[in-house]
Amino acid sequence: MTARHSRRERTGAEQHDAAYEEARAALLLGQMVYDRRTELGLTQGELADRAGMTQPQLSRLESGGATPTVPLLTRLAAALDAELDITFKPHHGVAA
């Protein structure tokens, strides 16, 4: 296995930071879904039906308590009449 693909143990601080970033991303995604849903005047139940999921699943996603798969994100984008745009952007100050 190459060094790039090897796993190393994380320190407690690194684990905390990683968990914080994952929770932050989930909350931001949930807020985006909520904002677009309310902009369209849809209830959670209506959007859930459009996206092929249940209302409780959508509620968890909007509250940041769930991490959706890419296929679910694709269905949500279609249900929200929106374009799904997933990109990788380099961190500021990192040379390519």
PDB file of N, CA and C in Angstrom:
ATOM      1  N   MET A   1       0.851  -1.187   0.000  1.00  0.00           N
ATOM      2  CA  MET A   1       0.000   0.000   0.000  1.00  0.00           C
ATOM      3  C   MET A   1       0.885   1.234   0.000  1.00  0.00           C
ATOM      4  N   THR A   2       0.544   2.214  -0.794  1.00  0.00           N
ATOM      5  CA  THR A   2       1.345   3.432  -0.841  1.00  0.00           C
ATOM      6  C   THR A   2       1.082   4.278   0.386  1.00  0.00           C
ATOM      7  N   ALA A   3       1.974   5.204   0.623  1.00  0.00           N
ATOM      8  CA  ALA A   3       1.812   6.090   1.779  1.00  0.00           C
ATOM      9  C   ALA A   3       0.523   6.898   1.660  1.00  0.00           C
ATOM     10  N   ARG A   4       0.166   7.232   0.425  1.00  0.00           N
ATOM     11  CA  ARG A   4      -1.031   8.035   0.233  1.00  0.00           C
ATOM     12  C   ARG A   4      -2.291   7.263   0.639  1.00  0.00           C
ATOM     13  N   HIS A   5      -2.271   5.952   0.462  1.00  0.00           N
ATOM     14  CA  HIS A   5      -3.449   5.152   0.752  1.00  0.00           C
ATOM     15  C   HIS A   5      -3.420   4.476   2.112  1.00  0.00           C
ATOM     16  N   SER A   6      -2.328   4.603   2.822  1.00  0.00           N
ATOM     17  CA  SER A   6      -2.271   3.976   4.135  1.00  0.00           C
ATOM     18  C   SER A   6      -3.083   4.785   5.135  1.00  0.00           C
ATOM     19  N   ARG A   7      -3.549   4.104   6.136  1.00  0.00           N
ATOM     20  CA  ARG A   7      -4.317   4.775   7.181  1.00  0.00           C
ATOM     21  C   ARG A   7      -3.413   4.980   8.389  1.00  0.00           C
ATOM     22  N   ARG A   8      -3.559   6.126   8.999  1.00  0.00           N
ATOM     23  CA  ARG A   8      -2.809   6.365  10.224  1.00  0.00           C
ATOM     24  C   ARG A   8      -3.802   6.639  11.329  1.00  0.00           C
ATOM     25  N   GLU A   9      -3.371   6.387  12.517  1.00  0.00           N
ATOM     26  CA  GLU A   9      -4.261   6.638  13.644  1.00  0.00           C
ATOM     27  C   GLU A   9      -4.354   8.136  13.889  1.00  0.00           C
ATOM     28  N   ARG A  10      -5.553   8.569  14.180  1.00  0.00           N
ATOM     29  CA  ARG A  10      -5.768   9.990  14.472  1.00  0.00           C
ATOM     30  C   ARG A  10      -5.660  10.229  15.962  1.00  0.00           C
ATOM     31  N   THR A  11      -5.173  11.395  16.296  1.00  0.00           N
ATOM     32  CA  THR A  11      -5.146  11.770  17.699  1.00  0.00           C
ATOM     33  C   THR A  11      -6.561  12.158  18.108  1.00  0.00           C
ATOM     34  N   GLY A  12      -6.779  12.297  19.374  1.00  0.00           N
ATOM     35  CA  GLY A  12      -8.095  12.718  19.857  1.00  0.00           C
ATOM     36  C   GLY A  12      -8.509  14.054  19.276  1.00  0.00           C
ATOM     37  N   ALA A  13      -7.575  14.988  19.180  1.00  0.00           N
ATOM     38  CA  ALA A  13      -7.883  16.311  18.631  1.00  0.00           C
ATOM     39  C   ALA A  13      -8.235  16.205  17.154  1.00  0.00           C
ATOM     40  N   GLU A  14      -7.507  15.375  16.407  1.00  0.00           N
ATOM     41  CA  GLU A  14      -7.807  15.203  14.978  1.00  0.00           C
ATOM     42  C   GLU A  14      -9.170  14.560  14.780  1.00  0.00           C
ATOM     43  N   GLN A  15      -9.499  13.582  15.623  1.00  0.00           N
ATOM     44  CA  GLN A  15     -10.816  12.943  15.535  1.00  0.00           C
ATOM     45  C   GLN A  15     -11.910  13.955  15.826  1.00  0.00           C
ATOM     46  N   HIS A  16     -11.703  14.791  16.821  1.00  0.00           N
ATOM     47  CA  HIS A  16     -12.679  15.821  17.182  1.00  0.00           C
ATOM     48  C   HIS A  16     -12.859  16.797  16.030  1.00  0.00           C
ATOM     49  N   ASP A  17     -11.748  17.247  15.446  1.00  0.00           N
ATOM     50  CA  ASP A  17     -11.812  18.191  14.330  1.00  0.00           C
ATOM     51  C   ASP A  17     -12.544  17.584  13.145  1.00  0.00           C
ATOM     52  N   ALA A  18     -12.265  16.323  12.832  1.00  0.00           N
ATOM     53  CA  ALA A  18     -12.916  15.656  11.704  1.00  0.00           C
ATOM     54  C   ALA A  18     -14.415  15.516  11.962  1.00  0.00           C
ATOM     55  N   ALA A  19     -14.785  15.141  13.172  1.00  0.00           N
ATOM     56  CA  ALA A  19     -16.203  15.004  13.509  1.00  0.00           C
ATOM     57  C   ALA A  19     -16.903  16.353  13.439  1.00  0.00           C
ATOM     58  N   TYR A  20     -16.230  17.394  13.889  1.00  0.00           N
ATOM     59  CA  TYR A  20     -16.803  18.746  13.829  1.00  0.00           C
ATOM     60  C   TYR A  20     -17.049  19.150  12.383  1.00  0.00           C
ATOM     61  N   GLU A  21     -16.086  18.921  11.514  1.00  0.00           N
ATOM     62  CA  GLU A  21     -16.235  19.293  10.099  1.00  0.00           C
ATOM     63  C   GLU A  21     -17.351  18.493   9.427  1.00  0.00           C
ATOM     64  N   GLU A  22     -17.481  17.214   9.754  1.00  0.00           N
ATOM     65  CA  GLU A  22     -18.568  16.411   9.195  1.00  0.00           C
ATOM     66  C   GLU A  22     -19.924  16.932   9.667  1.00  0.00           C
ATOM     67  N   ALA A  23     -20.027  17.273  10.938  1.00  0.00           N
ATOM     68  CA  ALA A  23     -21.286  17.802  11.473  1.00  0.00           C
ATOM     69  C   ALA A  23     -21.604  19.152  10.852  1.00  0.00           C
ATOM     70  N   ARG A  24     -20.591  19.979  10.675  1.00  0.00           N
ATOM     71  CA  ARG A  24     -20.784  21.296  10.056  1.00  0.00           C
ATOM     72  C   ARG A  24     -21.288  21.143   8.626  1.00  0.00           C
ATOM     73  N   ALA A  25     -20.682  20.231   7.865  1.00  0.00           N
ATOM     74  CA  ALA A  25     -21.103  19.998   6.482  1.00  0.00           C
ATOM     75  C   ALA A  25     -22.539  19.487   6.435  1.00  0.00           C
ATOM     76  N   ALA A  26     -22.909  18.583   7.341  1.00  0.00           N
ATOM     77  CA  ALA A  26     -24.270  18.053   7.378  1.00  0.00           C
ATOM     78  C   ALA A  26     -25.274  19.156   7.691  1.00  0.00           C
ATOM     79  N   LEU A  27     -24.923  20.040   8.616  1.00  0.00           N
ATOM     80  CA  LEU A  27     -25.813  21.158   8.953  1.00  0.00           C
ATOM     81  C   LEU A  27     -25.971  22.129   7.779  1.00  0.00           C
ATOM     82  N   LEU A  28     -24.878  22.427   7.100  1.00  0.00           N
ATOM     83  CA  LEU A  28     -24.944  23.333   5.948  1.00  0.00           C
ATOM     84  C   LEU A  28     -25.789  22.737   4.829  1.00  0.00           C
ATOM     85  N   LEU A  29     -25.604  21.452   4.565  1.00  0.00           N
ATOM     86  CA  LEU A  29     -26.399  20.786   3.542  1.00  0.00           C
ATOM     87  C   LEU A  29     -27.876  20.801   3.920  1.00  0.00           C
ATOM     88  N   GLY A  30     -28.173  20.464   5.163  1.00  0.00           N
ATOM     89  CA  GLY A  30     -29.554  20.486   5.637  1.00  0.00           C
ATOM     90  C   GLY A  30     -30.186  21.851   5.492  1.00  0.00           C
ATOM     91  N   GLN A  31     -29.417  22.890   5.783  1.00  0.00           N
ATOM     92  CA  GLN A  31     -29.930  24.253   5.662  1.00  0.00           C
ATOM     93  C   GLN A  31     -30.215  24.600   4.205  1.00  0.00           C
ATOM     94  N   MET A  32     -29.348  24.150   3.301  1.00  0.00           N
ATOM     95  CA  MET A  32     -29.577  24.407   1.879  1.00  0.00           C
ATOM     96  C   MET A  32     -30.861  23.733   1.391  1.00  0.00           C
ATOM     97  N   VAL A  33     -31.075  22.496   1.827  1.00  0.00           N
ATOM     98  CA  VAL A  33     -32.297  21.778   1.440  1.00  0.00           C
ATOM     99  C   VAL A  33     -33.516  22.497   2.005  1.00  0.00           C
ATOM    100  N   TYR A  34     -33.450  22.864   3.286  1.00  0.00           N
ATOM    101  CA  TYR A  34     -34.558  23.581   3.924  1.00  0.00           C
ATOM    102  C   TYR A  34     -34.858  24.894   3.190  1.00  0.00           C
ATOM    103  N   ASP A  35     -33.815  25.674   2.912  1.00  0.00           N
ATOM    104  CA  ASP A  35     -34.006  26.968   2.256  1.00  0.00           C
ATOM    105  C   ASP A  35     -34.677  26.803   0.895  1.00  0.00           C
ATOM    106  N   ARG A  36     -34.210  25.856   0.103  1.00  0.00           N
ATOM    107  CA  ARG A  36     -34.791  25.663  -1.228  1.00  0.00           C
ATOM    108  C   ARG A  36     -36.217  25.133  -1.120  1.00  0.00           C
ATOM    109  N   ARG A  37     -36.461  24.219  -0.180  1.00  0.00           N
ATOM    110  CA  ARG A  37     -37.813  23.661   0.005  1.00  0.00           C
ATOM    111  C   ARG A  37     -38.794  24.759   0.361  1.00  0.00           C
ATOM    112  N   THR A  38     -38.419  25.622   1.308  1.00  0.00           N
ATOM    113  CA  THR A  38     -39.339  26.686   1.719  1.00  0.00           C
ATOM    114  C   THR A  38     -39.488  27.740   0.620  1.00  0.00           C
ATOM    115  N   GLU A  39     -38.421  27.961  -0.149  1.00  0.00           N
ATOM    116  CA  GLU A  39     -38.498  28.882  -1.280  1.00  0.00           C
ATOM    117  C   GLU A  39     -39.550  28.396  -2.293  1.00  0.00           C
ATOM    118  N   LEU A  40     -39.644  27.076  -2.454  1.00  0.00           N
ATOM    119  CA  LEU A  40     -40.619  26.483  -3.371  1.00  0.00           C
ATOM    120  C   LEU A  40     -42.004  26.325  -2.741  1.00  0.00           C
ATOM    121  N   GLY A  41     -42.110  26.591  -1.447  1.00  0.00           N
ATOM    122  CA  GLY A  41     -43.394  26.464  -0.762  1.00  0.00           C
ATOM    123  C   GLY A  41     -43.819  25.024  -0.540  1.00  0.00           C
ATOM    124  N   LEU A  42     -42.843  24.119  -0.419  1.00  0.00           N
ATOM    125  CA  LEU A  42     -43.140  22.699  -0.220  1.00  0.00           C
ATOM    126  C   LEU A  42     -43.081  22.328   1.256  1.00  0.00           C
ATOM    127  N   THR A  43     -43.920  21.403   1.660  1.00  0.00           N
ATOM    128  CA  THR A  43     -43.814  20.824   3.002  1.00  0.00           C
ATOM    129  C   THR A  43     -42.738  19.737   2.956  1.00  0.00           C
ATOM    130  N   GLN A  44     -42.313  19.307   4.126  1.00  0.00           N
ATOM    131  CA  GLN A  44     -41.365  18.195   4.175  1.00  0.00           C
ATOM    132  C   GLN A  44     -41.966  16.951   3.515  1.00  0.00           C
ATOM    133  N   GLY A  45     -43.234  16.698   3.765  1.00  0.00           N
ATOM    134  CA  GLY A  45     -43.890  15.533   3.180  1.00  0.00           C
ATOM    135  C   GLY A  45     -43.923  15.589   1.663  1.00  0.00           C
ATOM    136  N   GLU A  46     -44.209  16.765   1.126  1.00  0.00           N
ATOM    137  CA  GLU A  46     -44.253  16.919  -0.330  1.00  0.00           C
ATOM    138  C   GLU A  46     -42.882  16.690  -0.962  1.00  0.00           C
ATOM    139  N   LEU A  47     -41.844  17.285  -0.357  1.00  0.00           N
ATOM    140  CA  LEU A  47     -40.504  17.095  -0.894  1.00  0.00           C
ATOM    141  C   LEU A  47     -40.064  15.641  -0.737  1.00  0.00           C
ATOM    142  N   ALA A  48     -40.363  15.049   0.399  1.00  0.00           N
ATOM    143  CA  ALA A  48     -39.999  13.652   0.619  1.00  0.00           C
ATOM    144  C   ALA A  48     -40.625  12.762  -0.452  1.00  0.00           C
ATOM    145  N   ASP A  49     -41.893  12.983  -0.754  1.00  0.00           N
ATOM    146  CA  ASP A  49     -42.559  12.206  -1.808  1.00  0.00           C
ATOM    147  C   ASP A  49     -41.859  12.395  -3.142  1.00  0.00           C
ATOM    148  N   ARG A  50     -41.541  13.619  -3.481  1.00  0.00           N
ATOM    149  CA  ARG A  50     -40.868  13.914  -4.754  1.00  0.00           C
ATOM    150  C   ARG A  50     -39.504  13.233  -4.845  1.00  0.00           C
ATOM    151  N   ALA A  51     -38.821  13.136  -3.700  1.00  0.00           N
ATOM    152  CA  ALA A  51     -37.458  12.597  -3.685  1.00  0.00           C
ATOM    153  C   ALA A  51     -37.409  11.102  -3.394  1.00  0.00           C
ATOM    154  N   GLY A  52     -38.567  10.487  -3.185  1.00  0.00           N
ATOM    155  CA  GLY A  52     -38.587   9.049  -2.918  1.00  0.00           C
ATOM    156  C   GLY A  52     -38.031   8.674  -1.561  1.00  0.00           C
ATOM    157  N   MET A  53     -38.351   9.491  -0.571  1.00  0.00           N
ATOM    158  CA  MET A  53     -37.911   9.213   0.794  1.00  0.00           C
ATOM    159  C   MET A  53     -39.070   9.495   1.739  1.00  0.00           C
ATOM    160  N   THR A  54     -38.881   9.234   3.013  1.00  0.00           N
ATOM    161  CA  THR A  54     -39.944   9.496   3.983  1.00  0.00           C
ATOM    162  C   THR A  54     -39.758  10.877   4.601  1.00  0.00           C
ATOM    163  N   GLN A  55     -40.831  11.409   5.147  1.00  0.00           N
ATOM    164  CA  GLN A  55     -40.756  12.711   5.811  1.00  0.00           C
ATOM    165  C   GLN A  55     -39.779  12.691   6.986  1.00  0.00           C
ATOM    166  N   PRO A  56     -39.780  11.631   7.838  1.00  0.00           N
ATOM    167  CA  PRO A  56     -38.790  11.618   8.926  1.00  0.00           C
ATOM    168  C   PRO A  56     -37.342  11.606   8.417  1.00  0.00           C
ATOM    169  N   GLN A  57     -37.089  10.916   7.294  1.00  0.00           N
ATOM    170  CA  GLN A  57     -35.739  10.930   6.725  1.00  0.00           C
ATOM    171  C   GLN A  57     -35.351  12.344   6.291  1.00  0.00           C
ATOM    172  N   LEU A  58     -36.293  13.037   5.656  1.00  0.00           N
ATOM    173  CA  LEU A  58     -36.023  14.404   5.227  1.00  0.00           C
ATOM    174  C   LEU A  58     -35.807  15.317   6.427  1.00  0.00           C
ATOM    175  N   SER A  59     -36.597  15.131   7.461  1.00  0.00           N
ATOM    176  CA  SER A  59     -36.450  15.937   8.671  1.00  0.00           C
ATOM    177  C   SER A  59     -35.052  15.766   9.273  1.00  0.00           C
ATOM    178  N   ARG A  60     -34.576  14.514   9.348  1.00  0.00           N
ATOM    179  CA  ARG A  60     -33.229  14.253   9.881  1.00  0.00           C
ATOM    180  C   ARG A  60     -32.170  14.926   9.003  1.00  0.00           C
ATOM    181  N   LEU A  61     -32.351  14.850   7.688  1.00  0.00           N
ATOM    182  CA  LEU A  61     -31.392  15.456   6.780  1.00  0.00           C
ATOM    183  C   LEU A  61     -31.358  16.975   6.971  1.00  0.00           C
ATOM    184  N   GLU A  62     -32.538  17.596   7.032  1.00  0.00           N
ATOM    185  CA  GLU A  62     -32.593  19.050   7.200  1.00  0.00           C
ATOM    186  C   GLU A  62     -32.010  19.507   8.531  1.00  0.00           C
ATOM    187  N   SER A  63     -32.073  18.666   9.536  1.00  0.00           N
ATOM    188  CA  SER A  63     -31.543  19.049  10.849  1.00  0.00           C
ATOM    189  C   SER A  63     -30.060  18.706  11.005  1.00  0.00           C
ATOM    190  N   GLY A  64     -29.462  18.136   9.952  1.00  0.00           N
ATOM    191  CA  GLY A  64     -28.044  17.800  10.008  1.00  0.00           C
ATOM    192  C   GLY A  64     -27.758  16.465  10.640  1.00  0.00           C
ATOM    193  N   GLY A  65     -28.797  15.664  10.860  1.00  0.00           N
ATOM    194  CA  GLY A  65     -28.619  14.380  11.521  1.00  0.00           C
ATOM    195  C   GLY A  65     -28.443  13.203  10.588  1.00  0.00           C
ATOM    196  N   ALA A  66     -28.295  13.451   9.299  1.00  0.00           N
ATOM    197  CA  ALA A  66     -28.129  12.363   8.345  1.00  0.00           C
ATOM    198  C   ALA A  66     -27.158  12.794   7.259  1.00  0.00           C
ATOM    199  N   THR A  67     -26.412  11.840   6.763  1.00  0.00           N
ATOM    200  CA  THR A  67     -25.488  12.093   5.668  1.00  0.00           C
ATOM    201  C   THR A  67     -26.022  11.366   4.438  1.00  0.00           C
ATOM    202  N   PRO A  68     -26.489  12.117   3.446  1.00  0.00           N
ATOM    203  CA  PRO A  68     -27.107  11.486   2.279  1.00  0.00           C
ATOM    204  C   PRO A  68     -26.079  10.887   1.325  1.00  0.00           C
ATOM    205  N   THR A  69     -26.525   9.897   0.576  1.00  0.00           N
ATOM    206  CA  THR A  69     -25.697   9.319  -0.473  1.00  0.00           C
ATOM    207  C   THR A  69     -25.764  10.208  -1.708  1.00  0.00           C
ATOM    208  N   VAL A  70     -24.875   9.995  -2.645  1.00  0.00           N
ATOM    209  CA  VAL A  70     -24.902  10.765  -3.893  1.00  0.00           C
ATOM    210  C   VAL A  70     -26.196  10.494  -4.661  1.00  0.00           C
ATOM    211  N   PRO A  71     -26.669   9.238  -4.758  1.00  0.00           N
ATOM    212  CA  PRO A  71     -27.955   9.041  -5.442  1.00  0.00           C
ATOM    213  C   PRO A  71     -29.108   9.806  -4.779  1.00  0.00           C
ATOM    214  N   LEU A  72     -29.120   9.882  -3.451  1.00  0.00           N
ATOM    215  CA  LEU A  72     -30.171  10.648  -2.777  1.00  0.00           C
ATOM    216  C   LEU A  72     -30.020  12.134  -3.070  1.00  0.00           C
ATOM    217  N   LEU A  73     -28.803  12.632  -3.075  1.00  0.00           N
ATOM    218  CA  LEU A  73     -28.586  14.041  -3.412  1.00  0.00           C
ATOM    219  C   LEU A  73     -29.083  14.337  -4.829  1.00  0.00           C
ATOM    220  N   THR A  74     -28.879  13.404  -5.734  1.00  0.00           N
ATOM    221  CA  THR A  74     -29.351  13.566  -7.112  1.00  0.00           C
ATOM    222  C   THR A  74     -30.877  13.640  -7.151  1.00  0.00           C
ATOM    223  N   ARG A  75     -31.539  12.754  -6.402  1.00  0.00           N
ATOM    224  CA  ARG A  75     -33.013  12.778  -6.339  1.00  0.00           C
ATOM    225  C   ARG A  75     -33.513  14.062  -5.685  1.00  0.00           C
ATOM    226  N   LEU A  76     -32.842  14.498  -4.626  1.00  0.00           N
ATOM    227  CA  LEU A  76     -33.237  15.745  -3.961  1.00  0.00           C
ATOM    228  C   LEU A  76     -33.087  16.937  -4.899  1.00  0.00           C
ATOM    229  N   ALA A  77     -31.999  16.987  -5.633  1.00  0.00           N
ATOM    230  CA  ALA A  77     -31.801  18.097  -6.563  1.00  0.00           C
ATOM    231  C   ALA A  77     -32.927  18.136  -7.586  1.00  0.00           C
ATOM    232  N   ALA A  78     -33.283  16.983  -8.135  1.00  0.00           N
ATOM    233  CA  ALA A  78     -34.375  16.940  -9.107  1.00  0.00           C
ATOM    234  C   ALA A  78     -35.689  17.359  -8.450  1.00  0.00           C
ATOM    235  N   ALA A  79     -35.933  16.876  -7.231  1.00  0.00           N
ATOM    236  CA  ALA A  79     -37.171  17.201  -6.518  1.00  0.00           C
ATOM    237  C   ALA A  79     -37.250  18.683  -6.161  1.00  0.00           C
ATOM    238  N   LEU A  80     -36.093  19.314  -5.993  1.00  0.00           N
ATOM    239  CA  LEU A  80     -36.027  20.732  -5.656  1.00  0.00           C
ATOM    240  C   LEU A  80     -35.885  21.613  -6.899  1.00  0.00           C
ATOM    241  N   ASP A  81     -35.996  20.999  -8.071  1.00  0.00           N
ATOM    242  CA  ASP A  81     -35.822  21.722  -9.328  1.00  0.00           C
ATOM    243  C   ASP A  81     -34.526  22.523  -9.283  1.00  0.00           C
ATOM    244  N   ALA A  82     -33.452  21.814  -8.938  1.00  0.00           N
ATOM    245  CA  ALA A  82     -32.148  22.447  -8.776  1.00  0.00           C
ATOM    246  C   ALA A  82     -31.080  21.577  -9.425  1.00  0.00           C
ATOM    247  N   GLU A  83     -29.935  22.168  -9.643  1.00  0.00           N
ATOM    248  CA  GLU A  83     -28.795  21.458 -10.199  1.00  0.00           C
ATOM    249  C   GLU A  83     -27.890  21.021  -9.054  1.00  0.00           C
ATOM    250  N   LEU A  84     -27.466  19.764  -9.075  1.00  0.00           N
ATOM    251  CA  LEU A  84     -26.517  19.274  -8.076  1.00  0.00           C
ATOM    252  C   LEU A  84     -25.119  19.557  -8.592  1.00  0.00           C
ATOM    253  N   ASP A  85     -24.325  20.263  -7.808  1.00  0.00           N
ATOM    254  CA  ASP A  85     -22.974  20.642  -8.207  1.00  0.00           C
ATOM    255  C   ASP A  85     -22.026  20.226  -7.094  1.00  0.00           C
ATOM    256  N   ILE A  86     -21.286  19.149  -7.332  1.00  0.00           N
ATOM    257  CA  ILE A  86     -20.310  18.668  -6.359  1.00  0.00           C
ATOM    258  C   ILE A  86     -18.934  18.945  -6.946  1.00  0.00           C
ATOM    259  N   THR A  87     -18.137  19.713  -6.240  1.00  0.00           N
ATOM    260  CA  THR A  87     -16.807  20.067  -6.737  1.00  0.00           C
ATOM    261  C   THR A  87     -15.756  19.848  -5.663  1.00  0.00           C
ATOM    262  N   PHE A  88     -14.530  19.716  -6.117  1.00  0.00           N
ATOM    263  CA  PHE A  88     -13.378  19.699  -5.230  1.00  0.00           C
ATOM    264  C   PHE A  88     -12.603  20.969  -5.502  1.00  0.00           C
ATOM    265  N   LYS A  89     -12.417  21.769  -4.493  1.00  0.00           N
ATOM    266  CA  LYS A  89     -11.685  23.018  -4.639  1.00  0.00           C
ATOM    267  C   LYS A  89     -10.450  22.960  -3.740  1.00  0.00           C
ATOM    268  N   PRO A  90      -9.315  23.406  -4.268  1.00  0.00           N
ATOM    269  CA  PRO A  90      -8.118  23.383  -3.426  1.00  0.00           C
ATOM    270  C   PRO A  90      -8.264  24.363  -2.259  1.00  0.00           C
ATOM    271  N   HIS A  91      -7.624  24.017  -1.154  1.00  0.00           N
ATOM    272  CA  HIS A  91      -7.602  24.923  -0.005  1.00  0.00           C
ATOM    273  C   HIS A  91      -6.795  26.151  -0.382  1.00  0.00           C
ATOM    274  N   HIS A  92      -7.123  27.275   0.213  1.00  0.00           N
ATOM    275  CA  HIS A  92      -6.367  28.494  -0.024  1.00  0.00           C
ATOM    276  C   HIS A  92      -4.941  28.305   0.437  1.00  0.00           C
ATOM    277  N   GLY A  93      -4.012  28.760  -0.355  1.00  0.00           N
ATOM    278  CA  GLY A  93      -2.603  28.690   0.039  1.00  0.00           C
ATOM    279  C   GLY A  93      -1.930  27.378  -0.288  1.00  0.00           C
ATOM    280  N   VAL A  94      -2.647  26.433  -0.903  1.00  0.00           N
ATOM    281  CA  VAL A  94      -2.063  25.153  -1.262  1.00  0.00           C
ATOM    282  C   VAL A  94      -1.673  25.207  -2.729  1.00  0.00           C
ATOM    283  N   ALA A  95      -0.406  25.023  -3.009  1.00  0.00           N
ATOM    284  CA  ALA A  95       0.066  25.060  -4.398  1.00  0.00           C
ATOM    285  C   ALA A  95      -0.335  23.786  -5.113  1.00  0.00           C
ATOM    286  N   ALA A  96      -0.690  23.916  -6.371  1.00  0.00           N
ATOM    287  CA  ALA A  96      -1.106  22.755  -7.160  1.00  0.00           C
ATOM    288  C   ALA A  96       0.087  22.015  -7.713  1.00  0.00           C
TER     289      ALA A  96
END
